[in-house]
Full PDB file with SEQRES, HELIX, SHEET, SSBOND, CRYST1, ORIGX, SCALE, CONECT and MASTER records, all heavy atoms in Angstrom:
SEQRES   1 A   36  THR VAL ASP VAL GLN ASP GLY SER ALA VAL SER VAL ARG          
SEQRES   2 A   36  ALA ASP PRO ASP GLN LEU GLU GLN ALA LEU LEU ASN LEU          
SEQRES   3 A   36  VAL ARG ASN ALA ALA ASP ALA ALA ARG GLN                      
HELIX    1 AA1 PRO A   16  ARG A   35  1                                  20    
CRYST1    1.000    1.000    1.000  90.00  90.00  90.00 P 1           1          
ORIGX1      1.000000  0.000000  0.000000        0.00000                         
ORIGX2      0.000000  1.000000  0.000000        0.00000                         
ORIGX3      0.000000  0.000000  1.000000        0.00000                         
SCALE1      1.000000  0.000000  0.000000        0.00000                         
SCALE2      0.000000  1.000000  0.000000        0.00000                         
SCALE3      0.000000  0.000000  1.000000        0.00000                         
ATOM      1  N   THR A   1      48.442 -14.372 -11.884  1.00  0.00           N  
ATOM      2  CA  THR A   1      47.277 -13.525 -11.865  1.00  0.00           C  
ATOM      3  C   THR A   1      47.254 -12.676 -10.617  1.00  0.00           C  
ATOM      4  O   THR A   1      47.282 -13.241  -9.488  1.00  0.00           O  
ATOM      5  CB  THR A   1      45.975 -14.295 -11.939  1.00  0.00           C  
ATOM      6  OG1 THR A   1      45.927 -15.069 -13.133  1.00  0.00           O  
ATOM      7  CG2 THR A   1      44.779 -13.402 -11.940  1.00  0.00           C  
ATOM      8  N   VAL A   2      47.289 -11.358 -10.761  1.00  0.00           N  
ATOM      9  CA  VAL A   2      47.296 -10.477  -9.606  1.00  0.00           C  
ATOM     10  C   VAL A   2      45.861 -10.199  -9.184  1.00  0.00           C  
ATOM     11  O   VAL A   2      45.022  -9.784 -10.051  1.00  0.00           O  
ATOM     12  CB  VAL A   2      48.032  -9.185  -9.918  1.00  0.00           C  
ATOM     13  CG1 VAL A   2      47.920  -8.189  -8.792  1.00  0.00           C  
ATOM     14  CG2 VAL A   2      49.484  -9.456 -10.348  1.00  0.00           C  
ATOM     15  N   ASP A   3      45.512 -10.457  -7.943  1.00  0.00           N  
ATOM     16  CA  ASP A   3      44.113 -10.215  -7.443  1.00  0.00           C  
ATOM     17  C   ASP A   3      43.977  -8.734  -7.130  1.00  0.00           C  
ATOM     18  O   ASP A   3      44.537  -8.306  -6.170  1.00  0.00           O  
ATOM     19  CB  ASP A   3      43.892 -11.137  -6.198  1.00  0.00           C  
ATOM     20  CG  ASP A   3      42.465 -11.030  -5.696  1.00  0.00           C  
ATOM     21  OD1 ASP A   3      41.687 -10.504  -6.398  1.00  0.00           O  
ATOM     22  OD2 ASP A   3      42.259 -11.292  -4.441  1.00  0.00           O  
ATOM     23  N   VAL A   4      43.085  -8.126  -7.857  1.00  0.00           N  
ATOM     24  CA  VAL A   4      42.881  -6.694  -7.627  1.00  0.00           C  
ATOM     25  C   VAL A   4      41.510  -6.565  -6.959  1.00  0.00           C  
ATOM     26  O   VAL A   4      40.504  -6.970  -7.471  1.00  0.00           O  
ATOM     27  CB  VAL A   4      42.835  -5.860  -8.949  1.00  0.00           C  
ATOM     28  CG1 VAL A   4      42.491  -4.376  -8.665  1.00  0.00           C  
ATOM     29  CG2 VAL A   4      44.160  -6.001  -9.716  1.00  0.00           C  
ATOM     30  N   GLN A   5      41.519  -6.139  -5.719  1.00  0.00           N  
ATOM     31  CA  GLN A   5      40.308  -5.888  -4.931  1.00  0.00           C  
ATOM     32  C   GLN A   5      39.932  -4.414  -4.996  1.00  0.00           C  
ATOM     33  O   GLN A   5      40.580  -3.529  -4.350  1.00  0.00           O  
ATOM     34  CB  GLN A   5      40.535  -6.278  -3.500  1.00  0.00           C  
ATOM     35  CG  GLN A   5      40.933  -7.735  -3.336  1.00  0.00           C  
ATOM     36  CD  GLN A   5      41.133  -8.180  -1.823  1.00  0.00           C  
ATOM     37  OE1 GLN A   5      41.055  -7.321  -0.948  1.00  0.00           O  
ATOM     38  NE2 GLN A   5      41.461  -9.477  -1.580  1.00  0.00           N  
ATOM     39  N   ASP A   6      38.946  -4.159  -5.834  1.00  0.00           N  
ATOM     40  CA  ASP A   6      38.568  -2.820  -6.063  1.00  0.00           C  
ATOM     41  C   ASP A   6      38.003  -2.128  -4.788  1.00  0.00           C  
ATOM     42  O   ASP A   6      37.112  -2.671  -4.131  1.00  0.00           O  
ATOM     43  CB  ASP A   6      37.471  -2.702  -7.214  1.00  0.00           C  
ATOM     44  CG  ASP A   6      38.000  -3.055  -8.500  1.00  0.00           C  
ATOM     45  OD1 ASP A   6      39.151  -2.699  -8.787  1.00  0.00           O  
ATOM     46  OD2 ASP A   6      37.310  -3.705  -9.357  1.00  0.00           O  
ATOM     47  N   GLY A   7      38.608  -0.919  -4.506  1.00  0.00           N  
ATOM     48  CA  GLY A   7      38.119  -0.194  -3.412  1.00  0.00           C  
ATOM     49  C   GLY A   7      37.110   0.918  -3.906  1.00  0.00           C  
ATOM     50  O   GLY A   7      36.566   0.697  -4.910  1.00  0.00           O  
ATOM     51  N   SER A   8      37.106   1.978  -3.159  1.00  0.00           N  
ATOM     52  CA  SER A   8      36.199   3.055  -3.597  1.00  0.00           C  
ATOM     53  C   SER A   8      36.731   3.719  -4.836  1.00  0.00           C  
ATOM     54  O   SER A   8      38.008   3.806  -5.056  1.00  0.00           O  
ATOM     55  CB  SER A   8      36.099   4.076  -2.469  1.00  0.00           C  
ATOM     56  OG  SER A   8      37.305   4.504  -2.057  1.00  0.00           O  
ATOM     57  N   ALA A   9      35.905   4.269  -5.656  1.00  0.00           N  
ATOM     58  CA  ALA A   9      36.332   4.955  -6.868  1.00  0.00           C  
ATOM     59  C   ALA A   9      36.984   6.293  -6.441  1.00  0.00           C  
ATOM     60  O   ALA A   9      36.475   7.093  -5.763  1.00  0.00           O  
ATOM     61  CB  ALA A   9      35.152   5.224  -7.789  1.00  0.00           C  
ATOM     62  N   VAL A  10      38.236   6.433  -6.863  1.00  0.00           N  
ATOM     63  CA  VAL A  10      39.008   7.622  -6.363  1.00  0.00           C  
ATOM     64  C   VAL A  10      40.054   7.937  -7.490  1.00  0.00           C  
ATOM     65  O   VAL A  10      40.529   7.092  -8.193  1.00  0.00           O  
ATOM     66  CB  VAL A  10      39.695   7.283  -5.089  1.00  0.00           C  
ATOM     67  CG1 VAL A  10      40.645   6.128  -5.179  1.00  0.00           C  
ATOM     68  CG2 VAL A  10      40.434   8.551  -4.523  1.00  0.00           C  
ATOM     69  N   SER A  11      40.278   9.219  -7.623  1.00  0.00           N  
ATOM     70  CA  SER A  11      41.338   9.670  -8.527  1.00  0.00           C  
ATOM     71  C   SER A  11      42.469  10.315  -7.647  1.00  0.00           C  
ATOM     72  O   SER A  11      42.178  10.953  -6.689  1.00  0.00           O  
ATOM     73  CB  SER A  11      40.813  10.802  -9.447  1.00  0.00           C  
ATOM     74  OG  SER A  11      39.852  10.238 -10.370  1.00  0.00           O  
ATOM     75  N   VAL A  12      43.692  10.028  -7.994  1.00  0.00           N  
ATOM     76  CA  VAL A  12      44.848  10.529  -7.279  1.00  0.00           C  
ATOM     77  C   VAL A  12      45.523  11.595  -8.140  1.00  0.00           C  
ATOM     78  O   VAL A  12      45.425  11.621  -9.382  1.00  0.00           O  
ATOM     79  CB  VAL A  12      45.770   9.401  -6.942  1.00  0.00           C  
ATOM     80  CG1 VAL A  12      45.253   8.362  -5.989  1.00  0.00           C  
ATOM     81  CG2 VAL A  12      46.347   8.671  -8.251  1.00  0.00           C  
ATOM     82  N   ARG A  13      46.201  12.455  -7.480  1.00  0.00           N  
ATOM     83  CA  ARG A  13      46.921  13.583  -8.138  1.00  0.00           C  
ATOM     84  C   ARG A  13      48.365  13.089  -8.377  1.00  0.00           C  
ATOM     85  O   ARG A  13      49.196  13.090  -7.431  1.00  0.00           O  
ATOM     86  CB  ARG A  13      47.025  14.827  -7.195  1.00  0.00           C  
ATOM     87  CG  ARG A  13      47.608  16.035  -7.835  1.00  0.00           C  
ATOM     88  CD  ARG A  13      47.327  17.223  -7.046  1.00  0.00           C  
ATOM     89  NE  ARG A  13      47.796  17.105  -5.676  1.00  0.00           N  
ATOM     90  CZ  ARG A  13      49.013  17.398  -5.213  1.00  0.00           C  
ATOM     91  NH1 ARG A  13      49.908  17.919  -6.078  1.00  0.00           N  
ATOM     92  NH2 ARG A  13      49.360  17.239  -3.987  1.00  0.00           N  
ATOM     93  N   ALA A  14      48.614  12.657  -9.576  1.00  0.00           N  
ATOM     94  CA  ALA A  14      49.848  11.995  -9.910  1.00  0.00           C  
ATOM     95  C   ALA A  14      50.293  12.132 -11.406  1.00  0.00           C  
ATOM     96  O   ALA A  14      49.459  12.478 -12.192  1.00  0.00           O  
ATOM     97  CB  ALA A  14      49.825  10.503  -9.542  1.00  0.00           C  
ATOM     98  N   ASP A  15      51.595  11.771 -11.637  1.00  0.00           N  
ATOM     99  CA  ASP A  15      51.978  11.630 -12.958  1.00  0.00           C  
ATOM    100  C   ASP A  15      51.616  10.142 -13.426  1.00  0.00           C  
ATOM    101  O   ASP A  15      52.132   9.235 -12.787  1.00  0.00           O  
ATOM    102  CB  ASP A  15      53.522  11.891 -13.103  1.00  0.00           C  
ATOM    103  CG  ASP A  15      54.080  11.807 -14.460  1.00  0.00           C  
ATOM    104  OD1 ASP A  15      53.779  10.788 -15.169  1.00  0.00           O  
ATOM    105  OD2 ASP A  15      54.728  12.740 -14.883  1.00  0.00           O  
ATOM    106  N   PRO A  16      50.817   9.967 -14.487  1.00  0.00           N  
ATOM    107  CA  PRO A  16      50.347   8.557 -14.749  1.00  0.00           C  
ATOM    108  C   PRO A  16      51.535   7.615 -15.040  1.00  0.00           C  
ATOM    109  O   PRO A  16      51.483   6.469 -14.595  1.00  0.00           O  
ATOM    110  CB  PRO A  16      49.473   8.770 -15.932  1.00  0.00           C  
ATOM    111  CG  PRO A  16      49.740  10.147 -16.456  1.00  0.00           C  
ATOM    112  CD  PRO A  16      50.217  10.934 -15.327  1.00  0.00           C  
ATOM    113  N   ASP A  17      52.476   8.133 -15.789  1.00  0.00           N  
ATOM    114  CA  ASP A  17      53.657   7.232 -16.180  1.00  0.00           C  
ATOM    115  C   ASP A  17      54.464   6.833 -14.998  1.00  0.00           C  
ATOM    116  O   ASP A  17      54.828   5.667 -14.836  1.00  0.00           O  
ATOM    117  CB  ASP A  17      54.494   7.845 -17.242  1.00  0.00           C  
ATOM    118  CG  ASP A  17      53.753   8.112 -18.550  1.00  0.00           C  
ATOM    119  OD1 ASP A  17      52.858   7.344 -18.844  1.00  0.00           O  
ATOM    120  OD2 ASP A  17      54.102   9.097 -19.312  1.00  0.00           O  
ATOM    121  N   GLN A  18      54.779   7.843 -14.098  1.00  0.00           N  
ATOM    122  CA  GLN A  18      55.609   7.533 -12.936  1.00  0.00           C  
ATOM    123  C   GLN A  18      54.790   6.652 -11.973  1.00  0.00           C  
ATOM    124  O   GLN A  18      55.392   5.752 -11.347  1.00  0.00           O  
ATOM    125  CB  GLN A  18      55.996   8.862 -12.269  1.00  0.00           C  
ATOM    126  CG  GLN A  18      56.961   9.663 -13.175  1.00  0.00           C  
ATOM    127  CD  GLN A  18      57.629  10.816 -12.349  1.00  0.00           C  
ATOM    128  OE1 GLN A  18      57.450  10.891 -11.136  1.00  0.00           O  
ATOM    129  NE2 GLN A  18      58.218  11.785 -13.060  1.00  0.00           N  
ATOM    130  N   LEU A  19      53.525   6.958 -11.770  1.00  0.00           N  
ATOM    131  CA  LEU A  19      52.722   6.112 -10.851  1.00  0.00           C  
ATOM    132  C   LEU A  19      52.627   4.695 -11.405  1.00  0.00           C  
ATOM    133  O   LEU A  19      52.805   3.763 -10.570  1.00  0.00           O  
ATOM    134  CB  LEU A  19      51.308   6.732 -10.725  1.00  0.00           C  
ATOM    135  CG  LEU A  19      50.305   5.859  -9.889  1.00  0.00           C  
ATOM    136  CD1 LEU A  19      50.843   5.716  -8.514  1.00  0.00           C  
ATOM    137  CD2 LEU A  19      48.934   6.529  -9.897  1.00  0.00           C  
ATOM    138  N   GLU A  20      52.408   4.450 -12.663  1.00  0.00           N  
ATOM    139  CA  GLU A  20      52.470   3.151 -13.225  1.00  0.00           C  
ATOM    140  C   GLU A  20      53.724   2.486 -13.006  1.00  0.00           C  
ATOM    141  O   GLU A  20      53.849   1.258 -12.686  1.00  0.00           O  
ATOM    142  CB  GLU A  20      52.048   3.253 -14.663  1.00  0.00           C  
ATOM    143  CG  GLU A  20      51.906   1.856 -15.337  1.00  0.00           C  
ATOM    144  CD  GLU A  20      51.348   1.999 -16.775  1.00  0.00           C  
ATOM    145  OE1 GLU A  20      50.650   2.919 -17.036  1.00  0.00           O  
ATOM    146  OE2 GLU A  20      51.780   1.073 -17.566  1.00  0.00           O  
ATOM    147  N   GLN A  21      54.850   3.209 -13.195  1.00  0.00           N  
ATOM    148  CA  GLN A  21      56.153   2.629 -12.955  1.00  0.00           C  
ATOM    149  C   GLN A  21      56.381   2.218 -11.526  1.00  0.00           C  
ATOM    150  O   GLN A  21      56.901   1.111 -11.293  1.00  0.00           O  
ATOM    151  CB  GLN A  21      57.312   3.638 -13.403  1.00  0.00           C  
ATOM    152  CG  GLN A  21      58.590   3.110 -13.604  1.00  0.00           C  
ATOM    153  CD  GLN A  21      58.742   2.252 -14.846  1.00  0.00           C  
ATOM    154  OE1 GLN A  21      58.241   2.664 -15.922  1.00  0.00           O  
ATOM    155  NE2 GLN A  21      59.276   1.074 -14.722  1.00  0.00           N  
ATOM    156  N   ALA A  22      55.983   3.047 -10.574  1.00  0.00           N  
ATOM    157  CA  ALA A  22      56.166   2.661  -9.204  1.00  0.00           C  
ATOM    158  C   ALA A  22      55.282   1.449  -8.811  1.00  0.00           C  
ATOM    159  O   ALA A  22      55.816   0.537  -8.186  1.00  0.00           O  
ATOM    160  CB  ALA A  22      55.796   3.859  -8.321  1.00  0.00           C  
ATOM    161  N   LEU A  23      54.110   1.420  -9.287  1.00  0.00           N  
ATOM    162  CA  LEU A  23      53.175   0.295  -8.985  1.00  0.00           C  
ATOM    163  C   LEU A  23      53.746  -1.026  -9.661  1.00  0.00           C  
ATOM    164  O   LEU A  23      53.722  -2.112  -9.041  1.00  0.00           O  
ATOM    165  CB  LEU A  23      51.798   0.567  -9.462  1.00  0.00           C  
ATOM    166  CG  LEU A  23      51.028   1.649  -8.621  1.00  0.00           C  
ATOM    167  CD1 LEU A  23      49.656   1.869  -9.239  1.00  0.00           C  
ATOM    168  CD2 LEU A  23      50.822   1.121  -7.194  1.00  0.00           C  
ATOM    169  N   LEU A  24      54.288  -0.839 -10.880  1.00  0.00           N  
ATOM    170  CA  LEU A  24      54.890  -2.017 -11.568  1.00  0.00           C  
ATOM    171  C   LEU A  24      55.994  -2.591 -10.819  1.00  0.00           C  
ATOM    172  O   LEU A  24      56.168  -3.786 -10.643  1.00  0.00           O  
ATOM    173  CB  LEU A  24      55.265  -1.668 -12.981  1.00  0.00           C  
ATOM    174  CG  LEU A  24      55.866  -2.709 -13.804  1.00  0.00           C  
ATOM    175  CD1 LEU A  24      54.886  -3.942 -14.025  1.00  0.00           C  
ATOM    176  CD2 LEU A  24      56.264  -2.149 -15.202  1.00  0.00           C  
ATOM    177  N   ASN A  25      56.891  -1.682 -10.261  1.00  0.00           N  
ATOM    178  CA  ASN A  25      58.038  -2.184  -9.453  1.00  0.00           C  
ATOM    179  C   ASN A  25      57.536  -3.014  -8.252  1.00  0.00           C  
ATOM    180  O   ASN A  25      58.071  -4.095  -7.924  1.00  0.00           O  
ATOM    181  CB  ASN A  25      58.898  -1.030  -9.064  1.00  0.00           C  
ATOM    182  CG  ASN A  25      59.685  -0.440 -10.198  1.00  0.00           C  
ATOM    183  OD1 ASN A  25      59.899  -1.031 -11.220  1.00  0.00           O  
ATOM    184  ND2 ASN A  25      59.997   0.805 -10.071  1.00  0.00           N  
ATOM    185  N   LEU A  26      56.582  -2.404  -7.546  1.00  0.00           N  
ATOM    186  CA  LEU A  26      56.064  -3.060  -6.305  1.00  0.00           C  
ATOM    187  C   LEU A  26      55.386  -4.413  -6.598  1.00  0.00           C  
ATOM    188  O   LEU A  26      55.585  -5.356  -5.892  1.00  0.00           O  
ATOM    189  CB  LEU A  26      55.119  -2.120  -5.581  1.00  0.00           C  
ATOM    190  CG  LEU A  26      55.727  -0.767  -5.093  1.00  0.00           C  
ATOM    191  CD1 LEU A  26      54.710   0.140  -4.471  1.00  0.00           C  
ATOM    192  CD2 LEU A  26      56.935  -1.085  -4.096  1.00  0.00           C  
ATOM    193  N   VAL A  27      54.586  -4.443  -7.706  1.00  0.00           N  
ATOM    194  CA  VAL A  27      53.936  -5.639  -8.054  1.00  0.00           C  
ATOM    195  C   VAL A  27      54.932  -6.726  -8.446  1.00  0.00           C  
ATOM    196  O   VAL A  27      54.751  -7.936  -8.079  1.00  0.00           O  
ATOM    197  CB  VAL A  27      52.891  -5.380  -9.221  1.00  0.00           C  
ATOM    198  CG1 VAL A  27      52.324  -6.696  -9.701  1.00  0.00           C  
ATOM    199  CG2 VAL A  27      51.750  -4.459  -8.617  1.00  0.00           C  
ATOM    200  N   ARG A  28      55.868  -6.387  -9.264  1.00  0.00           N  
ATOM    201  CA  ARG A  28      56.890  -7.345  -9.661  1.00  0.00           C  
ATOM    202  C   ARG A  28      57.688  -7.874  -8.495  1.00  0.00           C  
ATOM    203  O   ARG A  28      57.967  -9.063  -8.417  1.00  0.00           O  
ATOM    204  CB  ARG A  28      57.852  -6.716 -10.743  1.00  0.00           C  
ATOM    205  CG  ARG A  28      57.191  -6.515 -12.082  1.00  0.00           C  
ATOM    206  CD  ARG A  28      58.207  -6.071 -13.131  1.00  0.00           C  
ATOM    207  NE  ARG A  28      59.296  -6.998 -13.266  1.00  0.00           N  
ATOM    208  CZ  ARG A  28      59.241  -8.018 -14.036  1.00  0.00           C  
ATOM    209  NH1 ARG A  28      58.067  -8.241 -14.788  1.00  0.00           N  
ATOM    210  NH2 ARG A  28      60.240  -8.860 -14.196  1.00  0.00           N  
ATOM    211  N   ASN A  29      58.041  -7.022  -7.535  1.00  0.00           N  
ATOM    212  CA  ASN A  29      58.755  -7.479  -6.384  1.00  0.00           C  
ATOM    213  C   ASN A  29      57.836  -8.490  -5.526  1.00  0.00           C  
ATOM    214  O   ASN A  29      58.343  -9.532  -5.033  1.00  0.00           O  
ATOM    215  CB  ASN A  29      59.169  -6.338  -5.454  1.00  0.00           C  
ATOM    216  CG  ASN A  29      60.307  -5.606  -6.023  1.00  0.00           C  
ATOM    217  OD1 ASN A  29      61.055  -6.031  -6.768  1.00  0.00           O  
ATOM    218  ND2 ASN A  29      60.500  -4.353  -5.485  1.00  0.00           N  
ATOM    219  N   ALA A  30      56.537  -8.118  -5.423  1.00  0.00           N  
ATOM    220  CA  ALA A  30      55.664  -9.013  -4.704  1.00  0.00           C  
ATOM    221  C   ALA A  30      55.511 -10.360  -5.395  1.00  0.00           C  
ATOM    222  O   ALA A  30      55.437 -11.385  -4.789  1.00  0.00           O  
ATOM    223  CB  ALA A  30      54.274  -8.309  -4.589  1.00  0.00           C  
ATOM    224  N   ALA A  31      55.397 -10.346  -6.736  1.00  0.00           N  
ATOM    225  CA  ALA A  31      55.280 -11.559  -7.533  1.00  0.00           C  
ATOM    226  C   ALA A  31      56.600 -12.407  -7.380  1.00  0.00           C  
ATOM    227  O   ALA A  31      56.485 -13.632  -7.315  1.00  0.00           O  
ATOM    228  CB  ALA A  31      55.013 -11.169  -9.029  1.00  0.00           C  
ATOM    229  N   ASP A  32      57.677 -11.801  -7.387  1.00  0.00           N  
ATOM    230  CA  ASP A  32      58.962 -12.522  -7.206  1.00  0.00           C  
ATOM    231  C   ASP A  32      58.938 -13.279  -5.827  1.00  0.00           C  
ATOM    232  O   ASP A  32      59.398 -14.357  -5.696  1.00  0.00           O  
ATOM    233  CB  ASP A  32      60.171 -11.587  -7.233  1.00  0.00           C  
ATOM    234  CG  ASP A  32      60.390 -11.063  -8.676  1.00  0.00           C  
ATOM    235  OD1 ASP A  32      59.905 -11.722  -9.677  1.00  0.00           O  
ATOM    236  OD2 ASP A  32      61.088  -9.982  -8.799  1.00  0.00           O  
ATOM    237  N   ALA A  33      58.515 -12.591  -4.801  1.00  0.00           N  
ATOM    238  CA  ALA A  33      58.459 -13.183  -3.467  1.00  0.00           C  
ATOM    239  C   ALA A  33      57.370 -14.338  -3.432  1.00  0.00           C  
ATOM    240  O   ALA A  33      57.639 -15.371  -2.850  1.00  0.00           O  
ATOM    241  CB  ALA A  33      58.160 -12.102  -2.407  1.00  0.00           C  
ATOM    242  N   ALA A  34      56.217 -14.073  -3.993  1.00  0.00           N  
ATOM    243  CA  ALA A  34      55.114 -15.052  -3.924  1.00  0.00           C  
ATOM    244  C   ALA A  34      55.461 -16.297  -4.650  1.00  0.00           C  
ATOM    245  O   ALA A  34      55.037 -17.405  -4.333  1.00  0.00           O  
ATOM    246  CB  ALA A  34      53.852 -14.406  -4.512  1.00  0.00           C  
ATOM    247  N   ARG A  35      56.228 -16.209  -5.756  1.00  0.00           N  
ATOM    248  CA  ARG A  35      56.509 -17.448  -6.493  1.00  0.00           C  
ATOM    249  C   ARG A  35      57.527 -18.358  -5.739  1.00  0.00           C  
ATOM    250  O   ARG A  35      57.514 -19.515  -6.038  1.00  0.00           O  
ATOM    251  CB  ARG A  35      57.238 -16.982  -7.795  1.00  0.00           C  
ATOM    252  CG  ARG A  35      56.312 -16.271  -8.759  1.00  0.00           C  
ATOM    253  CD  ARG A  35      57.046 -15.888 -10.088  1.00  0.00           C  
ATOM    254  NE  ARG A  35      57.554 -17.043 -10.772  1.00  0.00           N  
ATOM    255  CZ  ARG A  35      58.405 -16.947 -11.838  1.00  0.00           C  
ATOM    256  NH1 ARG A  35      58.901 -15.818 -12.176  1.00  0.00           N  
ATOM    257  NH2 ARG A  35      58.719 -18.087 -12.404  1.00  0.00           N  
ATOM    258  N   GLN A  36      58.197 -17.854  -4.742  1.00  0.00           N  
ATOM    259  CA  GLN A  36      59.025 -18.712  -3.937  1.00  0.00           C  
ATOM    260  C   GLN A  36      58.252 -19.668  -3.094  1.00  0.00           C  
ATOM    261  O   GLN A  36      58.734 -20.799  -2.717  1.00  0.00           O  
ATOM    262  CB  GLN A  36      59.937 -17.855  -3.029  1.00  0.00           C  
ATOM    263  CG  GLN A  36      60.891 -16.906  -3.812  1.00  0.00           C  
ATOM    264  CD  GLN A  36      61.763 -16.107  -2.858  1.00  0.00           C  
ATOM    265  OE1 GLN A  36      62.170 -16.597  -1.809  1.00  0.00           O  
ATOM    266  NE2 GLN A  36      62.002 -14.873  -3.197  1.00  0.00           N  
TER     267      GLN A  36                                                      
MASTER        0    0    0    1    0    0    0    6  266    1    0    3          
END                                                                             
């Protein structure tokens, strides 16, 4: 379970698919490290 701490409501100027892909890579790397 990834703990999401909601910050201020904000919209970013981005490509939704690419942004999701980048965040997914970072979250998966973090999960791999945390499981150790």
